[in-house]
Amino acid sequence: MSDAFTNNTSKNRFELALNGFTAFAEYHLEGSTLYIDRVVAAPELRGTGAAGKLMQNIVNFAQKEKLQIVPICPYAAAWMVKNKLIEESALPRFQVRIFLKKEFAEAVMRDETPAEMQPLLDILAKYNAVIDHNQLKEFTEFVADAEAGRKTKIPADQVAGVLALTKNSLANPEKRSYFAREFTLSVGGKDLLQGTAAEALIADLKTLGDGPILTHGKAFVHGGSRDVETVRKSYLPKVHPL
């Protein structure tokens, strides 16, 4: 059976049908920039090169439509670097974020580290990493600063729009519950990383599983939400929360 590549605009994703199964890449467009958010291949297609074929079709599509690709998905980024379509130094910066169980998130906010968190702390120490800041606290502080007219990290011409979005998100109990459990890590004194930095740290953190310390979370992006793993990369620059 020949490969069938389609642009499923109703779902904002590119699809590649191969041997009765599908690999897809979720995307969003901003002007002439095509952001590849996530690449997923059916388990039956793993090891067949389907994801790579999908990426090549996306590149062909972007060239035809004169679009610039920005790979947000780690796989898409690695594939583009490997195929010399983008320099590693040009990849978007990212943060490493974890979702703590509610009781541990609350403890960290009180500057406490229960003994049950030791396996997590041991992994962080191995990579000179620490729990840096909480998303709910960051968003709350941004609202306070913006409303008081103080300088923020957001460009001045975007503050009003981001402020409205942030206040709307903080008024949503579900979003607040996830923001309260989401923490950004600092690795080697930096919370903004690039390229393949922190891959080993992320792999080790994932060995903790969706279990006693970390639990899965949600990402709220592009007007919707999706489930995310216990540990994730969050790419910058972007405004929060979308």
C-alpha atoms as a PDB file:
ATOM      1  CA  MET A   1       0.000   0.000   0.000  1.00  0.00           C
ATOM      2  CA  SER A   2       1.388   3.439  -0.908  1.00  0.00           C
ATOM      3  CA  ASP A   3       1.805   6.185   1.677  1.00  0.00           C
ATOM      4  CA  ALA A   4      -1.082   8.660   1.865  1.00  0.00           C
ATOM      5  CA  PHE A   5      -0.216  12.105   3.235  1.00  0.00           C
ATOM      6  CA  THR A   6      -3.009  14.559   4.055  1.00  0.00           C
ATOM      7  CA  ASN A   7      -3.464  17.875   5.806  1.00  0.00           C
ATOM      8  CA  ASN A   8      -6.432  17.362   8.118  1.00  0.00           C
ATOM      9  CA  THR A   9      -7.333  21.014   8.679  1.00  0.00           C
ATOM     10  CA  SER A  10     -10.374  20.145  10.813  1.00  0.00           C
ATOM     11  CA  LYS A  11      -8.032  18.678  13.448  1.00  0.00           C
ATOM     12  CA  ASN A  12      -5.014  20.898  12.731  1.00  0.00           C
ATOM     13  CA  ARG A  13      -2.788  17.949  12.011  1.00  0.00           C
ATOM     14  CA  PHE A  14      -0.882  16.317   9.182  1.00  0.00           C
ATOM     15  CA  GLU A  15      -1.535  12.604   8.724  1.00  0.00           C
ATOM     16  CA  LEU A  16       0.354   9.798   7.030  1.00  0.00           C
ATOM     17  CA  ALA A  17      -1.491   6.541   6.440  1.00  0.00           C
ATOM     18  CA  LEU A  18       0.811   3.543   6.097  1.00  0.00           C
ATOM     19  CA  ASN A  19      -0.135  -0.133   6.045  1.00  0.00           C
ATOM     20  CA  GLY A  20      -3.519   0.594   7.557  1.00  0.00           C
ATOM     21  CA  PHE A  21      -2.169   2.689  10.441  1.00  0.00           C
ATOM     22  CA  THR A  22      -1.641   6.419  10.929  1.00  0.00           C
ATOM     23  CA  ALA A  23       1.132   8.705  12.084  1.00  0.00           C
ATOM     24  CA  PHE A  24       0.187  12.325  12.659  1.00  0.00           C
ATOM     25  CA  ALA A  25       1.664  15.693  13.589  1.00  0.00           C
ATOM     26  CA  GLU A  26      -0.377  18.328  15.381  1.00  0.00           C
ATOM     27  CA  TYR A  27       0.411  21.869  14.288  1.00  0.00           C
ATOM     28  CA  HIS A  28      -0.666  25.482  14.449  1.00  0.00           C
ATOM     29  CA  LEU A  29      -0.050  28.355  12.066  1.00  0.00           C
ATOM     30  CA  GLU A  30       0.911  31.891  12.931  1.00  0.00           C
ATOM     31  CA  GLY A  31       1.231  33.894   9.725  1.00  0.00           C
ATOM     32  CA  SER A  32       3.842  32.148   7.594  1.00  0.00           C
ATOM     33  CA  THR A  33       5.255  30.164  10.547  1.00  0.00           C
ATOM     34  CA  LEU A  34       4.253  26.515  10.915  1.00  0.00           C
ATOM     35  CA  TYR A  35       4.689  25.221  14.468  1.00  0.00           C
ATOM     36  CA  ILE A  36       4.909  21.427  14.818  1.00  0.00           C
ATOM     37  CA  ASP A  37       3.506  20.802  18.287  1.00  0.00           C
ATOM     38  CA  ARG A  38       3.495  17.007  18.550  1.00  0.00           C
ATOM     39  CA  VAL A  39       4.375  13.988  16.397  1.00  0.00           C
ATOM     40  CA  VAL A  40       2.676  10.675  17.161  1.00  0.00           C
ATOM     41  CA  ALA A  41       2.997   7.304  15.405  1.00  0.00           C
ATOM     42  CA  ALA A  42       0.703   4.354  16.015  1.00  0.00           C
ATOM     43  CA  PRO A  43       2.506   1.631  18.027  1.00  0.00           C
ATOM     44  CA  GLU A  44       2.277  -0.653  14.988  1.00  0.00           C
ATOM     45  CA  LEU A  45       4.363   1.846  12.985  1.00  0.00           C
ATOM     46  CA  ARG A  46       7.239   2.179  15.405  1.00  0.00           C
ATOM     47  CA  GLY A  47      10.508   1.155  13.832  1.00  0.00           C
ATOM     48  CA  THR A  48       9.141   1.551  10.293  1.00  0.00           C
ATOM     49  CA  GLY A  49      10.393   5.091   9.751  1.00  0.00           C
ATOM     50  CA  ALA A  50       6.816   6.357   9.505  1.00  0.00           C
ATOM     51  CA  ALA A  51       7.433   9.414  11.690  1.00  0.00           C
ATOM     52  CA  GLY A  52      10.422  10.373   9.545  1.00  0.00           C
ATOM     53  CA  LYS A  53       8.382   9.963   6.358  1.00  0.00           C
ATOM     54  CA  LEU A  54       5.692  12.128   7.885  1.00  0.00           C
ATOM     55  CA  MET A  55       8.227  14.836   8.706  1.00  0.00           C
ATOM     56  CA  GLN A  56       9.632  14.763   5.173  1.00  0.00           C
ATOM     57  CA  ASN A  57       6.138  15.229   3.774  1.00  0.00           C
ATOM     58  CA  ILE A  58       5.594  18.161   6.124  1.00  0.00           C
ATOM     59  CA  VAL A  59       8.853  19.749   4.963  1.00  0.00           C
ATOM     60  CA  ASN A  60       7.769  19.311   1.339  1.00  0.00           C
ATOM     61  CA  PHE A  61       4.391  20.872   2.153  1.00  0.00           C
ATOM     62  CA  ALA A  62       6.018  23.822   3.951  1.00  0.00           C
ATOM     63  CA  GLN A  63       8.401  24.468   1.065  1.00  0.00           C
ATOM     64  CA  LYS A  64       5.539  24.437  -1.421  1.00  0.00           C
ATOM     65  CA  GLU A  65       3.450  26.809   0.720  1.00  0.00           C
ATOM     66  CA  LYS A  66       6.488  28.975   1.603  1.00  0.00           C
ATOM     67  CA  LEU A  67       6.125  28.357   5.330  1.00  0.00           C
ATOM     68  CA  GLN A  68       8.864  28.404   7.939  1.00  0.00           C
ATOM     69  CA  ILE A  69       8.821  25.377  10.258  1.00  0.00           C
ATOM     70  CA  VAL A  70       9.422  25.807  13.988  1.00  0.00           C
ATOM     71  CA  PRO A  71       9.636  22.374  15.681  1.00  0.00           C
ATOM     72  CA  ILE A  72       8.113  22.494  19.156  1.00  0.00           C
ATOM     73  CA  CYS A  73       7.910  18.687  19.433  1.00  0.00           C
ATOM     74  CA  PRO A  74      11.237  17.180  20.607  1.00  0.00           C
ATOM     75  CA  TYR A  75      11.059  14.474  17.935  1.00  0.00           C
ATOM     76  CA  ALA A  76      10.429  17.003  15.166  1.00  0.00           C
ATOM     77  CA  ALA A  77      13.300  19.140  16.437  1.00  0.00           C
ATOM     78  CA  ALA A  78      15.716  16.187  16.598  1.00  0.00           C
ATOM     79  CA  TRP A  79      14.678  15.010  13.112  1.00  0.00           C
ATOM     80  CA  MET A  80      15.245  18.451  11.599  1.00  0.00           C
ATOM     81  CA  VAL A  81      18.662  18.777  13.243  1.00  0.00           C
ATOM     82  CA  LYS A  82      19.656  15.275  12.086  1.00  0.00           C
ATOM     83  CA  ASN A  83      18.620  16.084   8.532  1.00  0.00           C
ATOM     84  CA  LYS A  84      20.450  19.425   8.625  1.00  0.00           C
ATOM     85  CA  LEU A  85      17.256  21.425   8.105  1.00  0.00           C
ATOM     86  CA  ILE A  86      17.814  23.549  11.194  1.00  0.00           C
ATOM     87  CA  GLU A  87      20.788  24.385  13.411  1.00  0.00           C
ATOM     88  CA  GLU A  88      20.537  23.182  16.989  1.00  0.00           C
ATOM     89  CA  SER A  89      21.304  26.733  18.133  1.00  0.00           C
ATOM     90  CA  ALA A  90      18.170  27.901  16.297  1.00  0.00           C
ATOM     91  CA  LEU A  91      15.819  25.573  18.160  1.00  0.00           C
ATOM     92  CA  PRO A  92      13.328  27.182  20.536  1.00  0.00           C
ATOM     93  CA  ARG A  93      14.410  27.478  24.137  1.00  0.00           C
ATOM     94  CA  PHE A  94      12.615  25.269  26.624  1.00  0.00           C
ATOM     95  CA  GLN A  95      11.981  24.720  30.300  1.00  0.00           C
ATOM     96  CA  VAL A  96      11.804  21.365  32.080  1.00  0.00           C
ATOM     97  CA  ARG A  97       8.585  21.110  34.076  1.00  0.00           C
ATOM     98  CA  ILE A  98       7.206  18.511  36.452  1.00  0.00           C
ATOM     99  CA  PHE A  99       3.765  17.896  37.927  1.00  0.00           C
ATOM    100  CA  LEU A 100       3.881  17.050  41.633  1.00  0.00           C
ATOM    101  CA  LYS A 101       1.133  15.284  43.541  1.00  0.00           C
ATOM    102  CA  LYS A 102      -1.073  17.804  45.328  1.00  0.00           C
ATOM    103  CA  GLU A 103       0.282  17.174  48.819  1.00  0.00           C
ATOM    104  CA  PHE A 104       3.903  17.492  47.676  1.00  0.00           C
ATOM    105  CA  ALA A 105       3.169  20.621  45.644  1.00  0.00           C
ATOM    106  CA  GLU A 106       1.679  22.201  48.746  1.00  0.00           C
ATOM    107  CA  ALA A 107       4.689  21.121  50.822  1.00  0.00           C
ATOM    108  CA  VAL A 108       7.157  22.642  48.344  1.00  0.00           C
ATOM    109  CA  MET A 109       5.248  25.911  48.428  1.00  0.00           C
ATOM    110  CA  ARG A 110       5.783  25.866  52.216  1.00  0.00           C
ATOM    111  CA  ASP A 111       9.528  25.245  51.640  1.00  0.00           C
ATOM    112  CA  GLU A 112       9.170  21.717  52.984  1.00  0.00           C
ATOM    113  CA  THR A 113      10.514  18.486  51.475  1.00  0.00           C
ATOM    114  CA  PRO A 114       8.790  15.390  52.896  1.00  0.00           C
ATOM    115  CA  ALA A 115      10.911  12.242  53.157  1.00  0.00           C
ATOM    116  CA  GLU A 116       8.736  10.598  50.488  1.00  0.00           C
ATOM    117  CA  MET A 117      10.197  13.037  47.942  1.00  0.00           C
ATOM    118  CA  GLN A 118      13.772  11.789  48.422  1.00  0.00           C
ATOM    119  CA  PRO A 119      13.904   9.720  45.192  1.00  0.00           C
ATOM    120  CA  LEU A 120      13.018  12.896  43.261  1.00  0.00           C
ATOM    121  CA  LEU A 121      15.563  14.985  45.157  1.00  0.00           C
ATOM    122  CA  ASP A 122      18.281  12.387  44.512  1.00  0.00           C
ATOM    123  CA  ILE A 123      17.695  12.594  40.748  1.00  0.00           C
ATOM    124  CA  LEU A 124      17.711  16.393  40.806  1.00  0.00           C
ATOM    125  CA  ALA A 125      20.980  16.458  42.782  1.00  0.00           C
ATOM    126  CA  LYS A 126      22.604  14.146  40.229  1.00  0.00           C
ATOM    127  CA  TYR A 127      22.066  16.791  37.531  1.00  0.00           C
ATOM    128  CA  ASN A 128      22.605  19.919  39.638  1.00  0.00           C
ATOM    129  CA  ALA A 129      18.908  20.672  39.259  1.00  0.00           C
ATOM    130  CA  VAL A 130      16.439  22.178  41.701  1.00  0.00           C
ATOM    131  CA  ILE A 131      12.724  22.949  41.818  1.00  0.00           C
ATOM    132  CA  ASP A 132      12.761  26.598  40.791  1.00  0.00           C
ATOM    133  CA  HIS A 133       9.278  28.093  40.640  1.00  0.00           C
ATOM    134  CA  ASN A 134       5.584  27.274  40.535  1.00  0.00           C
ATOM    135  CA  GLN A 135       3.348  28.186  37.590  1.00  0.00           C
ATOM    136  CA  LEU A 136       0.389  29.353  39.686  1.00  0.00           C
ATOM    137  CA  LYS A 137       2.649  31.625  41.725  1.00  0.00           C
ATOM    138  CA  GLU A 138       4.269  32.963  38.544  1.00  0.00           C
ATOM    139  CA  PHE A 139       0.911  33.769  36.938  1.00  0.00           C
ATOM    140  CA  THR A 140      -0.450  35.343  40.133  1.00  0.00           C
ATOM    141  CA  GLU A 141       2.623  37.551  40.492  1.00  0.00           C
ATOM    142  CA  PHE A 142       2.348  38.595  36.844  1.00  0.00           C
ATOM    143  CA  VAL A 143      -1.257  39.731  37.372  1.00  0.00           C
ATOM    144  CA  ALA A 144      -0.262  41.740  40.456  1.00  0.00           C
ATOM    145  CA  ASP A 145       2.668  43.386  38.666  1.00  0.00           C
ATOM    146  CA  ALA A 146       0.715  44.156  35.497  1.00  0.00           C
ATOM    147  CA  GLU A 147      -2.231  45.652  37.365  1.00  0.00           C
ATOM    148  CA  ALA A 148       0.148  47.799  39.439  1.00  0.00           C
ATOM    149  CA  GLY A 149       1.920  49.041  36.311  1.00  0.00           C
ATOM    150  CA  ARG A 150       5.195  47.376  37.226  1.00  0.00           C
ATOM    151  CA  LYS A 151       7.530  45.980  34.564  1.00  0.00           C
ATOM    152  CA  THR A 152       6.964  42.323  33.579  1.00  0.00           C
ATOM    153  CA  LYS A 153       8.714  39.798  31.331  1.00  0.00           C
ATOM    154  CA  ILE A 154       5.992  40.288  28.713  1.00  0.00           C
ATOM    155  CA  PRO A 155       6.629  42.892  25.956  1.00  0.00           C
ATOM    156  CA  ALA A 156       4.822  46.109  26.829  1.00  0.00           C
ATOM    157  CA  ASP A 157       2.548  45.993  23.771  1.00  0.00           C
ATOM    158  CA  GLN A 158       1.333  42.499  24.784  1.00  0.00           C
ATOM    159  CA  VAL A 159       0.749  43.025  28.509  1.00  0.00           C
ATOM    160  CA  ALA A 160      -2.931  43.997  28.277  1.00  0.00           C
ATOM    161  CA  GLY A 161      -3.832  40.961  26.167  1.00  0.00           C
ATOM    162  CA  VAL A 162      -1.806  38.522  28.266  1.00  0.00           C
ATOM    163  CA  LEU A 163      -3.228  40.004  31.468  1.00  0.00           C
ATOM    164  CA  ALA A 164      -6.791  39.363  30.284  1.00  0.00           C
ATOM    165  CA  LEU A 165      -5.929  35.783  29.261  1.00  0.00           C
ATOM    166  CA  THR A 166      -4.131  35.099  32.533  1.00  0.00           C
ATOM    167  CA  LYS A 167      -6.940  36.413  34.727  1.00  0.00           C
ATOM    168  CA  ASN A 168      -9.445  34.373  32.753  1.00  0.00           C
ATOM    169  CA  SER A 169      -7.334  31.236  33.222  1.00  0.00           C
ATOM    170  CA  LEU A 170      -6.826  31.825  36.942  1.00  0.00           C
ATOM    171  CA  ALA A 171     -10.599  32.105  37.338  1.00  0.00           C
ATOM    172  CA  ASN A 172     -10.944  28.539  35.997  1.00  0.00           C
ATOM    173  CA  PRO A 173     -10.720  26.035  38.913  1.00  0.00           C
ATOM    174  CA  GLU A 174      -9.455  23.202  36.684  1.00  0.00           C
ATOM    175  CA  LYS A 175      -6.639  25.297  35.268  1.00  0.00           C
ATOM    176  CA  ARG A 176      -5.670  26.591  38.703  1.00  0.00           C
ATOM    177  CA  SER A 177      -5.453  23.029  40.036  1.00  0.00           C
ATOM    178  CA  TYR A 178      -2.944  22.071  37.342  1.00  0.00           C
ATOM    179  CA  PHE A 179      -0.966  25.317  37.583  1.00  0.00           C
ATOM    180  CA  ALA A 180      -0.657  24.730  41.337  1.00  0.00           C
ATOM    181  CA  ARG A 181       1.046  21.356  40.726  1.00  0.00           C
ATOM    182  CA  GLU A 182       3.316  22.451  37.861  1.00  0.00           C
ATOM    183  CA  PHE A 183       6.887  23.442  38.710  1.00  0.00           C
ATOM    184  CA  THR A 184       9.777  24.606  36.534  1.00  0.00           C
ATOM    185  CA  LEU A 185      13.217  23.140  37.230  1.00  0.00           C
ATOM    186  CA  SER A 186      16.476  25.044  37.180  1.00  0.00           C
ATOM    187  CA  VAL A 187      19.344  23.002  35.718  1.00  0.00           C
ATOM    188  CA  GLY A 188      22.864  24.195  36.444  1.00  0.00           C
ATOM    189  CA  GLY A 189      21.454  27.538  37.535  1.00  0.00           C
ATOM    190  CA  LYS A 190      19.435  28.016  34.333  1.00  0.00           C
ATOM    191  CA  ASP A 191      15.724  27.571  33.748  1.00  0.00           C
ATOM    192  CA  LEU A 192      15.948  28.201  29.982  1.00  0.00           C
ATOM    193  CA  LEU A 193      17.671  25.436  28.015  1.00  0.00           C
ATOM    194  CA  GLN A 194      18.277  24.639  24.378  1.00  0.00           C
ATOM    195  CA  GLY A 195      19.119  21.768  22.063  1.00  0.00           C
ATOM    196  CA  THR A 196      19.571  18.358  23.689  1.00  0.00           C
ATOM    197  CA  ALA A 197      20.253  19.751  27.163  1.00  0.00           C
ATOM    198  CA  ALA A 198      18.504  17.929  30.015  1.00  0.00           C
ATOM    199  CA  GLU A 199      17.547  14.820  28.010  1.00  0.00           C
ATOM    200  CA  ALA A 200      19.232  12.504  30.552  1.00  0.00           C
ATOM    201  CA  LEU A 201      17.575  14.342  33.449  1.00  0.00           C
ATOM    202  CA  ILE A 202      14.146  14.006  31.831  1.00  0.00           C
ATOM    203  CA  ALA A 203      14.713  10.297  31.172  1.00  0.00           C
ATOM    204  CA  ASP A 204      15.672   9.706  34.822  1.00  0.00           C
ATOM    205  CA  LEU A 205      12.689  11.668  36.111  1.00  0.00           C
ATOM    206  CA  LYS A 206      10.357   9.560  33.993  1.00  0.00           C
ATOM    207  CA  THR A 207      11.580   6.436  35.815  1.00  0.00           C
ATOM    208  CA  LEU A 208       9.622   7.692  38.836  1.00  0.00           C
ATOM    209  CA  GLY A 209       6.495   6.897  36.855  1.00  0.00           C
ATOM    210  CA  ASP A 210       3.002   8.298  37.225  1.00  0.00           C
ATOM    211  CA  GLY A 211       3.058   7.332  40.833  1.00  0.00           C
ATOM    212  CA  PRO A 212       3.773   8.358  44.393  1.00  0.00           C
ATOM    213  CA  ILE A 213       5.623  11.648  43.730  1.00  0.00           C
ATOM    214  CA  LEU A 214       4.834  12.850  40.209  1.00  0.00           C
ATOM    215  CA  THR A 215       1.498  12.620  38.397  1.00  0.00           C
ATOM    216  CA  HIS A 216       0.406  13.531  34.888  1.00  0.00           C
ATOM    217  CA  GLY A 217      -0.865  17.011  34.167  1.00  0.00           C
ATOM    218  CA  LYS A 218      -2.466  19.106  31.464  1.00  0.00           C
ATOM    219  CA  ALA A 219      -1.183  21.741  29.075  1.00  0.00           C
ATOM    220  CA  PHE A 220      -3.565  24.522  28.120  1.00  0.00           C
ATOM    221  CA  VAL A 221      -2.605  25.742  24.661  1.00  0.00           C
ATOM    222  CA  HIS A 222      -4.213  27.252  21.572  1.00  0.00           C
ATOM    223  CA  GLY A 223      -7.636  27.547  23.140  1.00  0.00           C
ATOM    224  CA  GLY A 224      -7.769  23.919  24.314  1.00  0.00           C
ATOM    225  CA  SER A 225      -6.017  21.422  26.533  1.00  0.00           C
ATOM    226  CA  ARG A 226      -4.254  18.089  26.292  1.00  0.00           C
ATOM    227  CA  ASP A 227      -2.938  15.550  28.764  1.00  0.00           C
ATOM    228  CA  VAL A 228       0.812  15.644  29.282  1.00  0.00           C
ATOM    229  CA  GLU A 229       3.314  13.377  30.995  1.00  0.00           C
ATOM    230  CA  THR A 230       4.647  13.815  34.515  1.00  0.00           C
ATOM    231  CA  VAL A 231       7.745  15.517  33.061  1.00  0.00           C
ATOM    232  CA  ARG A 232       7.674  17.718  29.986  1.00  0.00           C
ATOM    233  CA  LYS A 233       9.514  20.281  27.956  1.00  0.00           C
ATOM    234  CA  SER A 234       7.752  23.628  27.652  1.00  0.00           C
ATOM    235  CA  TYR A 235       9.081  25.617  24.733  1.00  0.00           C
ATOM    236  CA  LEU A 236       9.696  29.368  24.784  1.00  0.00           C
ATOM    237  CA  PRO A 237       9.190  32.099  23.878  1.00  0.00           C
ATOM    238  CA  LYS A 238       5.468  32.209  24.396  1.00  0.00           C
ATOM    239  CA  VAL A 239       3.018  34.023  26.590  1.00  0.00           C
ATOM    240  CA  HIS A 240       1.203  32.291  29.433  1.00  0.00           C
ATOM    241  CA  PRO A 241      -1.352  30.950  29.579  1.00  0.00           C
ATOM    242  CA  LEU A 242      -2.617  30.487  26.020  1.00  0.00           C
END
